[in-house]
């Protein structure tokens, strides 16, 4: 059950103090009420975009000579790009 870890953490005074500012049920309820319900979905979308922007497309992963092609690209780019000083 996904919420099990959350419920079990409520038994830890250190966890409750760190996350909720105490273990008083009213304090915990107040902190939950302050949460933006769309925040987790937004965060996941951002993480997925970041992950996708750093992954090599599968089509390129399958190329046996990808390192050689990249090396040629880097060599040409380094010759044509002005030096950054």
PDB file of N, CA and C in Angstrom:
ATOM      1  N   UNK A   1       0.854  -1.175   0.000  1.00  0.00           N
ATOM      2  CA  UNK A   1       0.000   0.000   0.000  1.00  0.00           C
ATOM      3  C   UNK A   1       0.899   1.237   0.000  1.00  0.00           C
ATOM      4  N   UNK A   2       0.718   2.161  -0.939  1.00  0.00           N
ATOM      5  CA  UNK A   2       1.612   3.317  -1.077  1.00  0.00           C
ATOM      6  C   UNK A   2       1.743   4.191   0.165  1.00  0.00           C
ATOM      7  N   UNK A   3       0.682   4.365   0.948  1.00  0.00           N
ATOM      8  CA  UNK A   3       0.735   5.258   2.098  1.00  0.00           C
ATOM      9  C   UNK A   3       1.332   4.646   3.348  1.00  0.00           C
ATOM     10  N   UNK A   4       1.701   3.364   3.296  1.00  0.00           N
ATOM     11  CA  UNK A   4       2.200   2.683   4.484  1.00  0.00           C
ATOM     12  C   UNK A   4       3.443   3.352   5.051  1.00  0.00           C
ATOM     13  N   UNK A   5       4.383   3.685   4.217  1.00  0.00           N
ATOM     14  CA  UNK A   5       5.622   4.322   4.697  1.00  0.00           C
ATOM     15  C   UNK A   5       5.317   5.653   5.381  1.00  0.00           C
ATOM     16  N   UNK A   6       4.405   6.418   4.823  1.00  0.00           N
ATOM     17  CA  UNK A   6       4.037   7.699   5.420  1.00  0.00           C
ATOM     18  C   UNK A   6       3.465   7.492   6.815  1.00  0.00           C
ATOM     19  N   UNK A   7       2.550   6.556   6.951  1.00  0.00           N
ATOM     20  CA  UNK A   7       1.924   6.284   8.248  1.00  0.00           C
ATOM     21  C   UNK A   7       2.963   5.788   9.247  1.00  0.00           C
ATOM     22  N   UNK A   8       3.841   4.898   8.816  1.00  0.00           N
ATOM     23  CA  UNK A   8       4.877   4.390   9.722  1.00  0.00           C
ATOM     24  C   UNK A   8       5.822   5.499  10.165  1.00  0.00           C
ATOM     25  N   UNK A   9       6.099   6.449   9.281  1.00  0.00           N
ATOM     26  CA  UNK A   9       6.977   7.569   9.646  1.00  0.00           C
ATOM     27  C   UNK A   9       6.359   8.445  10.729  1.00  0.00           C
ATOM     28  N   UNK A  10       5.048   8.457  10.836  1.00  0.00           N
ATOM     29  CA  UNK A  10       4.383   9.285  11.844  1.00  0.00           C
ATOM     30  C   UNK A  10       4.676   8.806  13.265  1.00  0.00           C
ATOM     31  N   UNK A  11       5.212   7.599  13.403  1.00  0.00           N
ATOM     32  CA  UNK A  11       5.606   7.081  14.710  1.00  0.00           C
ATOM     33  C   UNK A  11       6.965   7.614  15.142  1.00  0.00           C
ATOM     34  N   UNK A  12       7.688   8.231  14.232  1.00  0.00           N
ATOM     35  CA  UNK A  12       9.027   8.735  14.539  1.00  0.00           C
ATOM     36  C   UNK A  12       8.962  10.215  14.918  1.00  0.00           C
ATOM     37  N   UNK A  13       9.268  10.548  16.169  1.00  0.00           N
ATOM     38  CA  UNK A  13       9.235  11.956  16.586  1.00  0.00           C
ATOM     39  C   UNK A  13      10.205  12.834  15.774  1.00  0.00           C
ATOM     40  N   UNK A  14      11.367  12.298  15.439  1.00  0.00           N
ATOM     41  CA  UNK A  14      12.344  13.066  14.662  1.00  0.00           C
ATOM     42  C   UNK A  14      11.797  13.381  13.282  1.00  0.00           C
ATOM     43  N   UNK A  15      11.186  12.401  12.640  1.00  0.00           N
ATOM     44  CA  UNK A  15      10.590  12.609  11.319  1.00  0.00           C
ATOM     45  C   UNK A  15       9.491  13.668  11.393  1.00  0.00           C
ATOM     46  N   UNK A  16       8.602  13.519  12.374  1.00  0.00           N
ATOM     47  CA  UNK A  16       7.490  14.474  12.505  1.00  0.00           C
ATOM     48  C   UNK A  16       7.992  15.878  12.772  1.00  0.00           C
ATOM     49  N   UNK A  17       9.020  16.010  13.590  1.00  0.00           N
ATOM     50  CA  UNK A  17       9.570  17.336  13.875  1.00  0.00           C
ATOM     51  C   UNK A  17      10.174  17.940  12.621  1.00  0.00           C
ATOM     52  N   UNK A  18      10.912  17.143  11.872  1.00  0.00           N
ATOM     53  CA  UNK A  18      11.581  17.634  10.666  1.00  0.00           C
ATOM     54  C   UNK A  18      10.589  17.993   9.568  1.00  0.00           C
ATOM     55  N   UNK A  19       9.634  17.136   9.329  1.00  0.00           N
ATOM     56  CA  UNK A  19       8.725  17.312   8.196  1.00  0.00           C
ATOM     57  C   UNK A  19       7.528  18.196   8.529  1.00  0.00           C
ATOM     58  N   UNK A  20       6.974  18.001   9.720  1.00  0.00           N
ATOM     59  CA  UNK A  20       5.719  18.684  10.061  1.00  0.00           C
ATOM     60  C   UNK A  20       5.873  19.744  11.140  1.00  0.00           C
ATOM     61  N   UNK A  21       7.050  19.867  11.723  1.00  0.00           N
ATOM     62  CA  UNK A  21       7.238  20.842  12.785  1.00  0.00           C
ATOM     63  C   UNK A  21       6.721  20.352  14.123  1.00  0.00           C
ATOM     64  N   UNK A  22       6.516  19.080  14.277  1.00  0.00           N
ATOM     65  CA  UNK A  22       6.036  18.492  15.527  1.00  0.00           C
ATOM     66  C   UNK A  22       5.143  17.306  15.240  1.00  0.00           C
ATOM     67  N   UNK A  23       4.733  16.623  16.312  1.00  0.00           N
ATOM     68  CA  UNK A  23       3.890  15.449  16.097  1.00  0.00           C
ATOM     69  C   UNK A  23       2.456  15.655  16.579  1.00  0.00           C
ATOM     70  N   UNK A  24       2.084  16.892  16.808  1.00  0.00           N
ATOM     71  CA  UNK A  24       0.702  17.204  17.153  1.00  0.00           C
ATOM     72  C   UNK A  24      -0.166  16.976  15.912  1.00  0.00           C
ATOM     73  N   UNK A  25      -1.248  16.193  16.039  1.00  0.00           N
ATOM     74  CA  UNK A  25      -2.093  15.914  14.867  1.00  0.00           C
ATOM     75  C   UNK A  25      -2.614  17.170  14.165  1.00  0.00           C
ATOM     76  N   UNK A  26      -2.909  18.222  14.936  1.00  0.00           N
ATOM     77  CA  UNK A  26      -3.385  19.463  14.315  1.00  0.00           C
ATOM     78  C   UNK A  26      -2.283  20.111  13.477  1.00  0.00           C
ATOM     79  N   UNK A  27      -1.051  20.042  13.958  1.00  0.00           N
ATOM     80  CA  UNK A  27       0.100  20.595  13.225  1.00  0.00           C
ATOM     81  C   UNK A  27       0.293  19.817  11.920  1.00  0.00           C
ATOM     82  N   UNK A  28       0.202  18.511  11.996  1.00  0.00           N
ATOM     83  CA  UNK A  28       0.368  17.672  10.802  1.00  0.00           C
ATOM     84  C   UNK A  28      -0.751  17.959   9.809  1.00  0.00           C
ATOM     85  N   UNK A  29      -1.988  18.051  10.294  1.00  0.00           N
ATOM     86  CA  UNK A  29      -3.123  18.349   9.411  1.00  0.00           C
ATOM     87  C   UNK A  29      -2.949  19.723   8.756  1.00  0.00           C
ATOM     88  N   UNK A  30      -2.461  20.700   9.517  1.00  0.00           N
ATOM     89  CA  UNK A  30      -2.254  22.037   8.960  1.00  0.00           C
ATOM     90  C   UNK A  30      -1.221  22.005   7.835  1.00  0.00           C
ATOM     91  N   UNK A  31      -0.136  21.273   8.064  1.00  0.00           N
ATOM     92  CA  UNK A  31       0.919  21.196   7.033  1.00  0.00           C
ATOM     93  C   UNK A  31       0.391  20.533   5.769  1.00  0.00           C
ATOM     94  N   UNK A  32      -0.401  19.477   5.924  1.00  0.00           N
ATOM     95  CA  UNK A  32      -0.988  18.823   4.753  1.00  0.00           C
ATOM     96  C   UNK A  32      -1.935  19.761   4.018  1.00  0.00           C
ATOM     97  N   UNK A  33      -2.673  20.570   4.751  1.00  0.00           N
ATOM     98  CA  UNK A  33      -3.632  21.477   4.113  1.00  0.00           C
ATOM     99  C   UNK A  33      -2.928  22.573   3.322  1.00  0.00           C
ATOM    100  N   UNK A  34      -1.663  22.829   3.623  1.00  0.00           N
ATOM    101  CA  UNK A  34      -0.900  23.865   2.917  1.00  0.00           C
ATOM    102  C   UNK A  34      -0.324  23.364   1.596  1.00  0.00           C
ATOM    103  N   UNK A  35      -0.360  22.078   1.379  1.00  0.00           N
ATOM    104  CA  UNK A  35       0.234  21.506   0.165  1.00  0.00           C
ATOM    105  C   UNK A  35      -0.611  21.814  -1.063  1.00  0.00           C
ATOM    106  N   UNK A  36       0.071  22.093  -2.155  1.00  0.00           N
ATOM    107  CA  UNK A  36      -0.596  22.291  -3.441  1.00  0.00           C
ATOM    108  C   UNK A  36      -0.817  20.907  -4.050  1.00  0.00           C
ATOM    109  N   UNK A  37      -2.073  20.503  -4.279  1.00  0.00           N
ATOM    110  CA  UNK A  37      -2.324  19.155  -4.794  1.00  0.00           C
ATOM    111  C   UNK A  37      -1.719  18.900  -6.168  1.00  0.00           C
ATOM    112  N   UNK A  38      -1.436  19.939  -6.923  1.00  0.00           N
ATOM    113  CA  UNK A  38      -0.858  19.732  -8.253  1.00  0.00           C
ATOM    114  C   UNK A  38       0.669  19.679  -8.218  1.00  0.00           C
ATOM    115  N   UNK A  39       1.276  19.976  -7.067  1.00  0.00           N
ATOM    116  CA  UNK A  39       2.741  20.017  -6.976  1.00  0.00           C
ATOM    117  C   UNK A  39       3.413  18.687  -7.321  1.00  0.00           C
ATOM    118  N   UNK A  40       2.955  17.547  -6.802  1.00  0.00           N
ATOM    119  CA  UNK A  40       3.639  16.291  -7.155  1.00  0.00           C
ATOM    120  C   UNK A  40       3.620  16.005  -8.653  1.00  0.00           C
ATOM    121  N   UNK A  41       2.481  16.244  -9.311  1.00  0.00           N
ATOM    122  CA  UNK A  41       2.413  15.991 -10.759  1.00  0.00           C
ATOM    123  C   UNK A  41       3.342  16.934 -11.514  1.00  0.00           C
ATOM    124  N   UNK A  42       3.399  18.189 -11.108  1.00  0.00           N
ATOM    125  CA  UNK A  42       4.289  19.163 -11.758  1.00  0.00           C
ATOM    126  C   UNK A  42       5.745  18.761 -11.580  1.00  0.00           C
ATOM    127  N   UNK A  43       6.075  18.325 -10.374  1.00  0.00           N
ATOM    128  CA  UNK A  43       7.443  17.898 -10.092  1.00  0.00           C
ATOM    129  C   UNK A  43       7.822  16.694 -10.938  1.00  0.00           C
ATOM    130  N   UNK A  44       6.928  15.718 -11.043  1.00  0.00           N
ATOM    131  CA  UNK A  44       7.209  14.532 -11.864  1.00  0.00           C
ATOM    132  C   UNK A  44       7.379  14.904 -13.328  1.00  0.00           C
ATOM    133  N   UNK A  45       6.550  15.809 -13.849  1.00  0.00           N
ATOM    134  CA  UNK A  45       6.687  16.247 -15.246  1.00  0.00           C
ATOM    135  C   UNK A  45       8.046  16.893 -15.463  1.00  0.00           C
ATOM    136  N   UNK A  46       8.459  17.765 -14.515  1.00  0.00           N
ATOM    137  CA  UNK A  46       9.751  18.435 -14.653  1.00  0.00           C
ATOM    138  C   UNK A  46      10.889  17.420 -14.625  1.00  0.00           C
ATOM    139  N   UNK A  47      10.824  16.463 -13.692  1.00  0.00           N
ATOM    140  CA  UNK A  47      11.862  15.437 -13.616  1.00  0.00           C
ATOM    141  C   UNK A  47      11.918  14.619 -14.904  1.00  0.00           C
ATOM    142  N   UNK A  48      10.764  14.271 -15.464  1.00  0.00           N
ATOM    143  CA  UNK A  48      10.741  13.505 -16.714  1.00  0.00           C
ATOM    144  C   UNK A  48      11.332  14.306 -17.861  1.00  0.00           C
ATOM    145  N   UNK A  49      11.009  15.601 -17.945  1.00  0.00           N
ATOM    146  CA  UNK A  49      11.593  16.441 -18.999  1.00  0.00           C
ATOM    147  C   UNK A  49      13.109  16.506 -18.860  1.00  0.00           C
ATOM    148  N   UNK A  50      13.585  16.683 -17.622  1.00  0.00           N
ATOM    149  CA  UNK A  50      15.033  16.739 -17.395  1.00  0.00           C
ATOM    150  C   UNK A  50      15.699  15.420 -17.771  1.00  0.00           C
ATOM    151  N   UNK A  51      15.061  14.322 -17.401  1.00  0.00           N
ATOM    152  CA  UNK A  51      15.620  13.002 -17.719  1.00  0.00           C
ATOM    153  C   UNK A  51      15.672  12.795 -19.223  1.00  0.00           C
ATOM    154  N   UNK A  52      14.587  13.150 -19.910  1.00  0.00           N
ATOM    155  CA  UNK A  52      14.537  12.979 -21.361  1.00  0.00           C
ATOM    156  C   UNK A  52      15.557  13.859 -22.071  1.00  0.00           C
ATOM    157  N   UNK A  53      15.813  15.034 -21.520  1.00  0.00           N
ATOM    158  CA  UNK A  53      16.755  15.935 -22.179  1.00  0.00           C
ATOM    159  C   UNK A  53      18.193  15.467 -22.030  1.00  0.00           C
ATOM    160  N   UNK A  54      18.476  14.559 -21.101  1.00  0.00           N
ATOM    161  CA  UNK A  54      19.843  14.078 -20.920  1.00  0.00           C
ATOM    162  C   UNK A  54      20.051  12.657 -21.436  1.00  0.00           C
ATOM    163  N   UNK A  55      18.982  11.982 -21.843  1.00  0.00           N
ATOM    164  CA  UNK A  55      19.105  10.618 -22.363  1.00  0.00           C
ATOM    165  C   UNK A  55      19.475  10.630 -23.838  1.00  0.00           C
ATOM    166  N   UNK A  56      20.224   9.639 -24.229  1.00  0.00           N
ATOM    167  CA  UNK A  56      20.526   9.443 -25.643  1.00  0.00           C
ATOM    168  C   UNK A  56      19.340   8.688 -26.245  1.00  0.00           C
ATOM    169  N   UNK A  57      18.779   9.186 -27.331  1.00  0.00           N
ATOM    170  CA  UNK A  57      17.647   8.480 -27.949  1.00  0.00           C
ATOM    171  C   UNK A  57      18.007   7.032 -28.269  1.00  0.00           C
ATOM    172  N   UNK A  58      17.042   6.121 -28.106  1.00  0.00           N
ATOM    173  CA  UNK A  58      17.289   4.689 -28.336  1.00  0.00           C
ATOM    174  C   UNK A  58      17.835   4.410 -29.734  1.00  0.00           C
ATOM    175  N   UNK A  59      17.370   5.180 -30.712  1.00  0.00           N
ATOM    176  CA  UNK A  59      17.848   4.995 -32.077  1.00  0.00           C
ATOM    177  C   UNK A  59      19.370   5.168 -32.127  1.00  0.00           C
ATOM    178  N   UNK A  60      19.878   6.155 -31.386  1.00  0.00           N
ATOM    179  CA  UNK A  60      21.319   6.389 -31.378  1.00  0.00           C
ATOM    180  C   UNK A  60      22.065   5.383 -30.504  1.00  0.00           C
ATOM    181  N   UNK A  61      21.420   4.915 -29.434  1.00  0.00           N
ATOM    182  CA  UNK A  61      22.059   3.930 -28.563  1.00  0.00           C
ATOM    183  C   UNK A  61      22.430   2.663 -29.312  1.00  0.00           C
ATOM    184  N   UNK A  62      21.646   2.332 -30.340  1.00  0.00           N
ATOM    185  CA  UNK A  62      21.863   1.091 -31.081  1.00  0.00           C
ATOM    186  C   UNK A  62      22.991   1.193 -32.102  1.00  0.00           C
ATOM    187  N   UNK A  63      23.439   2.405 -32.393  1.00  0.00           N
ATOM    188  CA  UNK A  63      24.510   2.575 -33.371  1.00  0.00           C
ATOM    189  C   UNK A  63      25.821   2.038 -32.803  1.00  0.00           C
ATOM    190  N   UNK A  64      26.436   1.152 -33.545  1.00  0.00           N
ATOM    191  CA  UNK A  64      27.698   0.568 -33.099  1.00  0.00           C
ATOM    192  C   UNK A  64      28.841   1.583 -33.162  1.00  0.00           C
ATOM    193  N   UNK A  65      28.745   2.523 -34.110  1.00  0.00           N
ATOM    194  CA  UNK A  65      29.838   3.478 -34.288  1.00  0.00           C
ATOM    195  C   UNK A  65      29.516   4.856 -33.702  1.00  0.00           C
ATOM    196  N   UNK A  66      28.628   4.907 -32.721  1.00  0.00           N
ATOM    197  CA  UNK A  66      28.247   6.184 -32.124  1.00  0.00           C
ATOM    198  C   UNK A  66      29.456   6.946 -31.569  1.00  0.00           C
ATOM    199  N   UNK A  67      30.362   6.313 -30.829  1.00  0.00           N
ATOM    200  CA  UNK A  67      31.521   7.072 -30.330  1.00  0.00           C
ATOM    201  C   UNK A  67      32.345   7.712 -31.452  1.00  0.00           C
ATOM    202  N   UNK A  68      32.520   6.974 -32.563  1.00  0.00           N
ATOM    203  CA  UNK A  68      33.294   7.516 -33.668  1.00  0.00           C
ATOM    204  C   UNK A  68      32.553   8.701 -34.314  1.00  0.00           C
ATOM    205  N   UNK A  69      31.230   8.576 -34.466  1.00  0.00           N
ATOM    206  CA  UNK A  69      30.457   9.668 -35.047  1.00  0.00           C
ATOM    207  C   UNK A  69      30.493  10.901 -34.152  1.00  0.00           C
ATOM    208  N   UNK A  70      30.390  10.674 -32.860  1.00  0.00           N
ATOM    209  CA  UNK A  70      30.453  11.797 -31.930  1.00  0.00           C
ATOM    210  C   UNK A  70      31.824  12.442 -31.950  1.00  0.00           C
ATOM    211  N   UNK A  71      32.863  11.633 -32.047  1.00  0.00           N
ATOM    212  CA  UNK A  71      34.215  12.173 -32.078  1.00  0.00           C
ATOM    213  C   UNK A  71      34.407  13.070 -33.296  1.00  0.00           C
ATOM    214  N   UNK A  72      33.886  12.647 -34.454  1.00  0.00           N
ATOM    215  CA  UNK A  72      33.990  13.492 -35.658  1.00  0.00           C
ATOM    216  C   UNK A  72      33.224  14.788 -35.469  1.00  0.00           C
ATOM    217  N   UNK A  73      32.020  14.700 -34.897  1.00  0.00           N
ATOM    218  CA  UNK A  73      31.209  15.887 -34.655  1.00  0.00           C
ATOM    219  C   UNK A  73      31.931  16.856 -33.720  1.00  0.00           C
ATOM    220  N   UNK A  74      32.488  16.326 -32.637  1.00  0.00           N
ATOM    221  CA  UNK A  74      33.187  17.173 -31.670  1.00  0.00           C
ATOM    222  C   UNK A  74      34.409  17.813 -32.304  1.00  0.00           C
ATOM    223  N   UNK A  75      35.125  17.062 -33.140  1.00  0.00           N
ATOM    224  CA  UNK A  75      36.306  17.610 -33.803  1.00  0.00           C
ATOM    225  C   UNK A  75      35.928  18.765 -34.730  1.00  0.00           C
ATOM    226  N   UNK A  76      34.897  18.589 -35.528  1.00  0.00           N
ATOM    227  CA  UNK A  76      34.452  19.640 -36.443  1.00  0.00           C
ATOM    228  C   UNK A  76      33.946  20.839 -35.649  1.00  0.00           C
ATOM    229  N   UNK A  77      33.159  20.586 -34.620  1.00  0.00           N
ATOM    230  CA  UNK A  77      32.605  21.677 -33.813  1.00  0.00           C
ATOM    231  C   UNK A  77      33.716  22.460 -33.133  1.00  0.00           C
ATOM    232  N   UNK A  78      34.739  21.777 -32.634  1.00  0.00           N
ATOM    233  CA  UNK A  78      35.815  22.495 -31.933  1.00  0.00           C
ATOM    234  C   UNK A  78      36.650  23.325 -32.894  1.00  0.00           C
ATOM    235  N   UNK A  79      36.738  22.912 -34.162  1.00  0.00           N
ATOM    236  CA  UNK A  79      37.467  23.697 -35.154  1.00  0.00           C
ATOM    237  C   UNK A  79      36.672  24.936 -35.586  1.00  0.00           C
ATOM    238  N   UNK A  80      35.345  24.796 -35.646  1.00  0.00           N
ATOM    239  CA  UNK A  80      34.525  25.873 -36.185  1.00  0.00           C
ATOM    240  C   UNK A  80      34.011  26.841 -35.141  1.00  0.00           C
ATOM    241  N   UNK A  81      33.946  26.423 -33.893  1.00  0.00           N
ATOM    242  CA  UNK A  81      33.455  27.305 -32.853  1.00  0.00           C
ATOM    243  C   UNK A  81      34.602  28.196 -32.361  1.00  0.00           C
ATOM    244  N   UNK A  82      34.304  29.472 -32.123  1.00  0.00           N
ATOM    245  CA  UNK A  82      35.372  30.344 -31.587  1.00  0.00           C
ATOM    246  C   UNK A  82      35.744  29.912 -30.173  1.00  0.00           C
ATOM    247  N   UNK A  83      37.005  30.133 -29.854  1.00  0.00           N
ATOM    248  CA  UNK A  83      37.464  29.767 -28.513  1.00  0.00           C
ATOM    249  C   UNK A  83      36.839  30.670 -27.485  1.00  0.00           C
ATOM    250  N   UNK A  84      36.448  30.059 -26.387  1.00  0.00           N
ATOM    251  CA  UNK A  84      35.898  30.818 -25.260  1.00  0.00           C
ATOM    252  C   UNK A  84      37.066  31.185 -24.350  1.00  0.00           C
ATOM    253  N   UNK A  85      37.222  32.448 -24.065  1.00  0.00           N
ATOM    254  CA  UNK A  85      38.375  32.846 -23.262  1.00  0.00           C
ATOM    255  C   UNK A  85      38.041  33.327 -21.985  1.00  0.00           C
TER     256      UNK A  85
END
